[in-house]
Amino acid sequence: MAAMVPTMIGLNQASQNMRDSEDSRKESSRKQRCHLLVNCSVSQGTTAQREQIHNAMVYVGPENRLYITKNPNPETMTPFNGGFFTHPQFPPDNTAGLVTITGETPPTLRWVFLDVTTHEVRWGGRAESEGQVCGPFDWTKDESRITLEGWEGWLAVRFPGVDEEGVWRLWFDRDDDGAGLKDLDSL
């Protein structure tokens, strides 16, 4: 019986070290900048729409919008290049905010946020993000996708006659009601 106690203590220490190492790895991965690549459900939209969206990248573009496209305009769009960051709306030592580097001159780090009125995901400085939903952003458990407020309610929205063919805007269905987009013609 006395021989088993050191083994259990050793296992507990090894287990604790593995947890600490995993926590450290997760925190490190949250601090790395990344690009965003879109995947979509095979049951959503038409085949042509899915082809435009699936494996497209997210771009920081004009009018403080985030766009989804495979054919970006290099003069107005910059690939999303960001990650999780400490946000003042959340407790200290958090990484619940999301930031990206913009195509401004000079390139500037800006907040990514959800516009509470339109449900469009946008980017901007502190003044533009005030009063909007600035997080919490997080990874899914497998660290392959991003969540906002704990779920993946992301939408690709295209306004016919306004947006270029193959260029979609990034929205978030916060209330699980289609982001209030019942009739695009009325917007």
C-alpha atoms as a PDB file:
ATOM      1  CA  MET A   1       0.000   0.000   0.000  1.00  0.00           C
ATOM      2  CA  ALA A   2       2.838   2.409   0.837  1.00  0.00           C
ATOM      3  CA  ALA A   3       4.366   1.834  -2.600  1.00  0.00           C
ATOM      4  CA  MET A   4       1.183   3.013  -4.344  1.00  0.00           C
ATOM      5  CA  VAL A   5       1.081   6.487  -2.796  1.00  0.00           C
ATOM      6  CA  PRO A   6       4.237   7.814  -4.581  1.00  0.00           C
ATOM      7  CA  THR A   7       2.879   6.478  -7.890  1.00  0.00           C
ATOM      8  CA  MET A   8      -0.444   8.280  -7.440  1.00  0.00           C
ATOM      9  CA  ILE A   9       1.328  11.498  -6.483  1.00  0.00           C
ATOM     10  CA  GLY A  10       3.574  11.115  -9.528  1.00  0.00           C
ATOM     11  CA  LEU A  11       0.565  10.587 -11.770  1.00  0.00           C
ATOM     12  CA  ASN A  12      -1.195  13.601 -10.287  1.00  0.00           C
ATOM     13  CA  GLN A  13       1.870  15.778 -10.863  1.00  0.00           C
ATOM     14  CA  ALA A  14       2.228  14.494 -14.430  1.00  0.00           C
ATOM     15  CA  SER A  15      -1.473  15.070 -15.005  1.00  0.00           C
ATOM     16  CA  GLN A  16      -1.198  18.624 -13.602  1.00  0.00           C
ATOM     17  CA  ASN A  17       1.845  19.311 -15.808  1.00  0.00           C
ATOM     18  CA  MET A  18      -0.078  18.075 -18.865  1.00  0.00           C
ATOM     19  CA  ARG A  19      -3.025  20.375 -17.993  1.00  0.00           C
ATOM     20  CA  ASP A  20      -0.674  23.324 -17.457  1.00  0.00           C
ATOM     21  CA  SER A  21       1.056  22.577 -20.761  1.00  0.00           C
ATOM     22  CA  GLU A  22      -2.299  22.336 -22.584  1.00  0.00           C
ATOM     23  CA  ASP A  23      -3.508  25.613 -21.032  1.00  0.00           C
ATOM     24  CA  SER A  24      -0.256  27.272 -22.083  1.00  0.00           C
ATOM     25  CA  ARG A  25      -0.608  25.897 -25.636  1.00  0.00           C
ATOM     26  CA  LYS A  26      -4.201  27.131 -25.888  1.00  0.00           C
ATOM     27  CA  GLU A  27      -3.268  30.592 -24.623  1.00  0.00           C
ATOM     28  CA  SER A  28      -0.371  30.731 -27.073  1.00  0.00           C
ATOM     29  CA  SER A  29      -2.621  29.733 -29.997  1.00  0.00           C
ATOM     30  CA  ARG A  30      -5.073  32.505 -29.068  1.00  0.00           C
ATOM     31  CA  LYS A  31      -2.299  35.088 -29.375  1.00  0.00           C
ATOM     32  CA  GLN A  32      -1.225  34.038 -32.879  1.00  0.00           C
ATOM     33  CA  ARG A  33      -2.514  36.043 -35.817  1.00  0.00           C
ATOM     34  CA  CYS A  34      -4.442  34.164 -38.469  1.00  0.00           C
ATOM     35  CA  HIS A  35      -6.415  34.532 -41.676  1.00  0.00           C
ATOM     36  CA  LEU A  36     -10.039  33.402 -41.788  1.00  0.00           C
ATOM     37  CA  LEU A  37     -11.188  30.790 -44.288  1.00  0.00           C
ATOM     38  CA  VAL A  38     -14.918  30.152 -44.757  1.00  0.00           C
ATOM     39  CA  ASN A  39     -16.633  26.799 -44.987  1.00  0.00           C
ATOM     40  CA  CYS A  40     -20.349  26.363 -45.430  1.00  0.00           C
ATOM     41  CA  SER A  41     -22.984  23.728 -44.969  1.00  0.00           C
ATOM     42  CA  VAL A  42     -23.898  21.738 -48.066  1.00  0.00           C
ATOM     43  CA  SER A  43     -27.570  22.236 -47.219  1.00  0.00           C
ATOM     44  CA  GLN A  44     -27.501  26.044 -47.341  1.00  0.00           C
ATOM     45  CA  GLY A  45     -28.084  28.190 -50.439  1.00  0.00           C
ATOM     46  CA  THR A  46     -27.687  27.180 -54.064  1.00  0.00           C
ATOM     47  CA  THR A  47     -24.749  25.266 -55.500  1.00  0.00           C
ATOM     48  CA  ALA A  48     -23.467  28.459 -57.157  1.00  0.00           C
ATOM     49  CA  GLN A  49     -23.675  30.361 -53.852  1.00  0.00           C
ATOM     50  CA  ARG A  50     -21.843  27.591 -51.982  1.00  0.00           C
ATOM     51  CA  GLU A  51     -19.104  27.575 -54.637  1.00  0.00           C
ATOM     52  CA  GLN A  52     -18.594  31.333 -54.143  1.00  0.00           C
ATOM     53  CA  ILE A  53     -18.396  31.040 -50.350  1.00  0.00           C
ATOM     54  CA  HIS A  54     -16.804  27.681 -49.501  1.00  0.00           C
ATOM     55  CA  ASN A  55     -13.022  28.062 -49.018  1.00  0.00           C
ATOM     56  CA  ALA A  56     -13.228  31.811 -49.648  1.00  0.00           C
ATOM     57  CA  MET A  57     -11.264  34.121 -47.359  1.00  0.00           C
ATOM     58  CA  VAL A  58     -12.474  36.946 -45.137  1.00  0.00           C
ATOM     59  CA  TYR A  59     -11.187  40.395 -46.139  1.00  0.00           C
ATOM     60  CA  VAL A  60     -11.115  43.751 -44.390  1.00  0.00           C
ATOM     61  CA  GLY A  61     -12.693  46.180 -46.813  1.00  0.00           C
ATOM     62  CA  PRO A  62     -14.177  49.590 -47.387  1.00  0.00           C
ATOM     63  CA  GLU A  63     -16.923  51.095 -45.239  1.00  0.00           C
ATOM     64  CA  ASN A  64     -15.575  49.210 -42.184  1.00  0.00           C
ATOM     65  CA  ARG A  65     -17.005  45.932 -43.473  1.00  0.00           C
ATOM     66  CA  LEU A  66     -15.694  42.375 -43.538  1.00  0.00           C
ATOM     67  CA  TYR A  67     -16.141  40.656 -46.897  1.00  0.00           C
ATOM     68  CA  ILE A  68     -16.080  37.029 -48.015  1.00  0.00           C
ATOM     69  CA  THR A  69     -14.702  36.392 -51.495  1.00  0.00           C
ATOM     70  CA  LYS A  70     -12.351  34.323 -53.619  1.00  0.00           C
ATOM     71  CA  ASN A  71     -11.619  37.303 -55.900  1.00  0.00           C
ATOM     72  CA  PRO A  72     -10.770  40.322 -53.730  1.00  0.00           C
ATOM     73  CA  ASN A  73     -10.170  43.798 -55.086  1.00  0.00           C
ATOM     74  CA  PRO A  74      -6.491  44.327 -54.165  1.00  0.00           C
ATOM     75  CA  GLU A  75      -6.973  48.105 -54.114  1.00  0.00           C
ATOM     76  CA  THR A  76      -9.713  48.058 -51.470  1.00  0.00           C
ATOM     77  CA  MET A  77      -9.498  44.713 -49.644  1.00  0.00           C
ATOM     78  CA  THR A  78      -6.865  43.309 -47.287  1.00  0.00           C
ATOM     79  CA  PRO A  79      -6.919  39.705 -46.007  1.00  0.00           C
ATOM     80  CA  PHE A  80      -8.158  39.425 -42.423  1.00  0.00           C
ATOM     81  CA  ASN A  81      -4.965  39.203 -40.383  1.00  0.00           C
ATOM     82  CA  GLY A  82      -5.852  39.139 -36.727  1.00  0.00           C
ATOM     83  CA  GLY A  83      -6.594  37.209 -33.614  1.00  0.00           C
ATOM     84  CA  PHE A  84      -7.898  37.278 -30.084  1.00  0.00           C
ATOM     85  CA  PHE A  85      -6.942  40.253 -27.959  1.00  0.00           C
ATOM     86  CA  THR A  86      -7.608  41.677 -24.509  1.00  0.00           C
ATOM     87  CA  HIS A  87     -10.743  43.814 -24.684  1.00  0.00           C
ATOM     88  CA  PRO A  88     -11.576  46.483 -22.082  1.00  0.00           C
ATOM     89  CA  GLN A  89     -15.246  45.377 -21.856  1.00  0.00           C
ATOM     90  CA  PHE A  90     -14.204  42.052 -20.306  1.00  0.00           C
ATOM     91  CA  PRO A  91     -12.315  41.083 -17.111  1.00  0.00           C
ATOM     92  CA  PRO A  92      -8.549  41.697 -16.939  1.00  0.00           C
ATOM     93  CA  ASP A  93      -6.291  39.130 -18.634  1.00  0.00           C
ATOM     94  CA  ASN A  94      -9.056  38.135 -21.063  1.00  0.00           C
ATOM     95  CA  THR A  95      -8.547  37.452 -24.753  1.00  0.00           C
ATOM     96  CA  ALA A  96     -12.231  37.713 -25.641  1.00  0.00           C
ATOM     97  CA  GLY A  97     -11.900  40.536 -28.169  1.00  0.00           C
ATOM     98  CA  LEU A  98     -11.037  40.058 -31.840  1.00  0.00           C
ATOM     99  CA  VAL A  99      -8.740  42.378 -33.784  1.00  0.00           C
ATOM    100  CA  THR A 100      -7.435  42.619 -37.343  1.00  0.00           C
ATOM    101  CA  ILE A 101      -4.814  44.633 -39.161  1.00  0.00           C
ATOM    102  CA  THR A 102      -6.441  46.901 -41.737  1.00  0.00           C
ATOM    103  CA  GLY A 103      -5.315  48.111 -45.135  1.00  0.00           C
ATOM    104  CA  GLU A 104      -5.105  51.689 -43.888  1.00  0.00           C
ATOM    105  CA  THR A 105      -1.854  53.612 -44.325  1.00  0.00           C
ATOM    106  CA  PRO A 106      -0.118  52.867 -42.065  1.00  0.00           C
ATOM    107  CA  PRO A 107      -1.676  49.457 -41.324  1.00  0.00           C
ATOM    108  CA  THR A 108      -3.608  49.744 -38.076  1.00  0.00           C
ATOM    109  CA  LEU A 109      -4.899  47.231 -35.536  1.00  0.00           C
ATOM    110  CA  ARG A 110      -8.710  47.572 -35.305  1.00  0.00           C
ATOM    111  CA  TRP A 111     -11.487  45.917 -33.305  1.00  0.00           C
ATOM    112  CA  VAL A 112     -13.884  43.461 -34.943  1.00  0.00           C
ATOM    113  CA  PHE A 113     -17.434  43.830 -33.633  1.00  0.00           C
ATOM    114  CA  LEU A 114     -21.065  43.020 -34.319  1.00  0.00           C
ATOM    115  CA  ASP A 115     -23.248  46.000 -35.202  1.00  0.00           C
ATOM    116  CA  VAL A 116     -26.210  45.628 -32.808  1.00  0.00           C
ATOM    117  CA  THR A 117     -28.622  47.324 -35.211  1.00  0.00           C
ATOM    118  CA  THR A 118     -27.854  45.527 -38.476  1.00  0.00           C
ATOM    119  CA  HIS A 119     -26.112  42.314 -37.264  1.00  0.00           C
ATOM    120  CA  GLU A 120     -23.296  42.988 -39.724  1.00  0.00           C
ATOM    121  CA  VAL A 121     -19.779  42.144 -38.550  1.00  0.00           C
ATOM    122  CA  ARG A 122     -17.634  45.272 -38.895  1.00  0.00           C
ATOM    123  CA  TRP A 123     -14.236  46.670 -37.953  1.00  0.00           C
ATOM    124  CA  GLY A 124     -13.208  49.983 -36.468  1.00  0.00           C
ATOM    125  CA  GLY A 125     -11.511  51.880 -33.709  1.00  0.00           C
ATOM    126  CA  ARG A 126     -12.620  52.173 -30.135  1.00  0.00           C
ATOM    127  CA  ALA A 127     -15.170  54.918 -30.940  1.00  0.00           C
ATOM    128  CA  GLU A 128     -16.857  52.821 -33.662  1.00  0.00           C
ATOM    129  CA  SER A 129     -16.958  49.719 -31.453  1.00  0.00           C
ATOM    130  CA  GLU A 130     -18.524  51.405 -28.408  1.00  0.00           C
ATOM    131  CA  GLY A 131     -22.083  50.232 -27.822  1.00  0.00           C
ATOM    132  CA  GLN A 132     -21.606  47.280 -30.190  1.00  0.00           C
ATOM    133  CA  VAL A 133     -21.053  43.579 -29.429  1.00  0.00           C
ATOM    134  CA  CYS A 134     -17.274  43.214 -29.079  1.00  0.00           C
ATOM    135  CA  GLY A 135     -17.263  39.609 -27.874  1.00  0.00           C
ATOM    136  CA  PRO A 136     -16.667  37.305 -26.304  1.00  0.00           C
ATOM    137  CA  PHE A 137     -15.054  35.681 -29.323  1.00  0.00           C
ATOM    138  CA  ASP A 138     -13.589  32.217 -28.804  1.00  0.00           C
ATOM    139  CA  TRP A 139     -12.489  29.021 -30.512  1.00  0.00           C
ATOM    140  CA  THR A 140     -14.757  26.023 -30.851  1.00  0.00           C
ATOM    141  CA  LYS A 141     -13.605  23.095 -28.678  1.00  0.00           C
ATOM    142  CA  ASP A 142     -11.515  21.676 -31.538  1.00  0.00           C
ATOM    143  CA  GLU A 143      -9.993  25.133 -32.172  1.00  0.00           C
ATOM    144  CA  SER A 144     -10.948  25.024 -35.848  1.00  0.00           C
ATOM    145  CA  ARG A 145     -13.681  27.686 -35.950  1.00  0.00           C
ATOM    146  CA  ILE A 146     -14.529  30.943 -34.198  1.00  0.00           C
ATOM    147  CA  THR A 147     -17.589  31.581 -32.052  1.00  0.00           C
ATOM    148  CA  LEU A 148     -19.216  34.793 -30.876  1.00  0.00           C
ATOM    149  CA  GLU A 149     -21.128  34.700 -27.595  1.00  0.00           C
ATOM    150  CA  GLY A 150     -20.647  30.928 -27.521  1.00  0.00           C
ATOM    151  CA  TRP A 151     -22.009  29.900 -30.893  1.00  0.00           C
ATOM    152  CA  GLU A 152     -21.376  29.877 -34.646  1.00  0.00           C
ATOM    153  CA  GLY A 153     -24.147  32.030 -36.073  1.00  0.00           C
ATOM    154  CA  TRP A 154     -22.109  33.338 -39.022  1.00  0.00           C
ATOM    155  CA  LEU A 155     -23.884  34.324 -42.245  1.00  0.00           C
ATOM    156  CA  ALA A 156     -22.683  35.277 -45.705  1.00  0.00           C
ATOM    157  CA  VAL A 157     -25.006  37.995 -47.040  1.00  0.00           C
ATOM    158  CA  ARG A 158     -25.038  39.463 -50.534  1.00  0.00           C
ATOM    159  CA  PHE A 159     -27.216  42.388 -51.551  1.00  0.00           C
ATOM    160  CA  PRO A 160     -28.156  42.005 -55.250  1.00  0.00           C
ATOM    161  CA  GLY A 161     -27.586  45.200 -57.181  1.00  0.00           C
ATOM    162  CA  VAL A 162     -25.342  46.575 -54.432  1.00  0.00           C
ATOM    163  CA  ASP A 163     -22.572  44.020 -53.875  1.00  0.00           C
ATOM    164  CA  GLU A 164     -20.348  42.739 -56.675  1.00  0.00           C
ATOM    165  CA  GLU A 165     -20.917  39.203 -57.926  1.00  0.00           C
ATOM    166  CA  GLY A 166     -18.940  36.774 -55.750  1.00  0.00           C
ATOM    167  CA  VAL A 167     -18.493  39.297 -52.914  1.00  0.00           C
ATOM    168  CA  TRP A 168     -20.413  38.603 -49.717  1.00  0.00           C
ATOM    169  CA  ARG A 169     -20.616  40.473 -46.410  1.00  0.00           C
ATOM    170  CA  LEU A 170     -20.019  38.787 -43.060  1.00  0.00           C
ATOM    171  CA  TRP A 171     -23.024  38.923 -40.722  1.00  0.00           C
ATOM    172  CA  PHE A 172     -23.914  37.147 -37.481  1.00  0.00           C
ATOM    173  CA  ASP A 173     -27.311  35.661 -36.624  1.00  0.00           C
ATOM    174  CA  ARG A 174     -27.211  36.602 -32.947  1.00  0.00           C
ATOM    175  CA  ASP A 175     -30.900  35.915 -32.259  1.00  0.00           C
ATOM    176  CA  ASP A 176     -31.167  32.798 -34.470  1.00  0.00           C
ATOM    177  CA  ASP A 177     -33.767  34.541 -36.628  1.00  0.00           C
ATOM    178  CA  GLY A 178     -31.854  34.946 -39.887  1.00  0.00           C
ATOM    179  CA  ALA A 179     -30.366  38.223 -38.552  1.00  0.00           C
ATOM    180  CA  GLY A 180     -33.648  39.914 -39.364  1.00  0.00           C
ATOM    181  CA  LEU A 181     -33.034  39.491 -43.112  1.00  0.00           C
ATOM    182  CA  LYS A 182     -36.503  38.458 -44.155  1.00  0.00           C
ATOM    183  CA  ASP A 183     -36.651  40.614 -47.282  1.00  0.00           C
ATOM    184  CA  LEU A 184     -33.366  41.852 -48.702  1.00  0.00           C
ATOM    185  CA  ASP A 185     -35.175  44.154 -51.157  1.00  0.00           C
ATOM    186  CA  SER A 186     -36.536  46.253 -48.287  1.00  0.00           C
ATOM    187  CA  LEU A 187     -33.067  47.064 -46.906  1.00  0.00           C
END
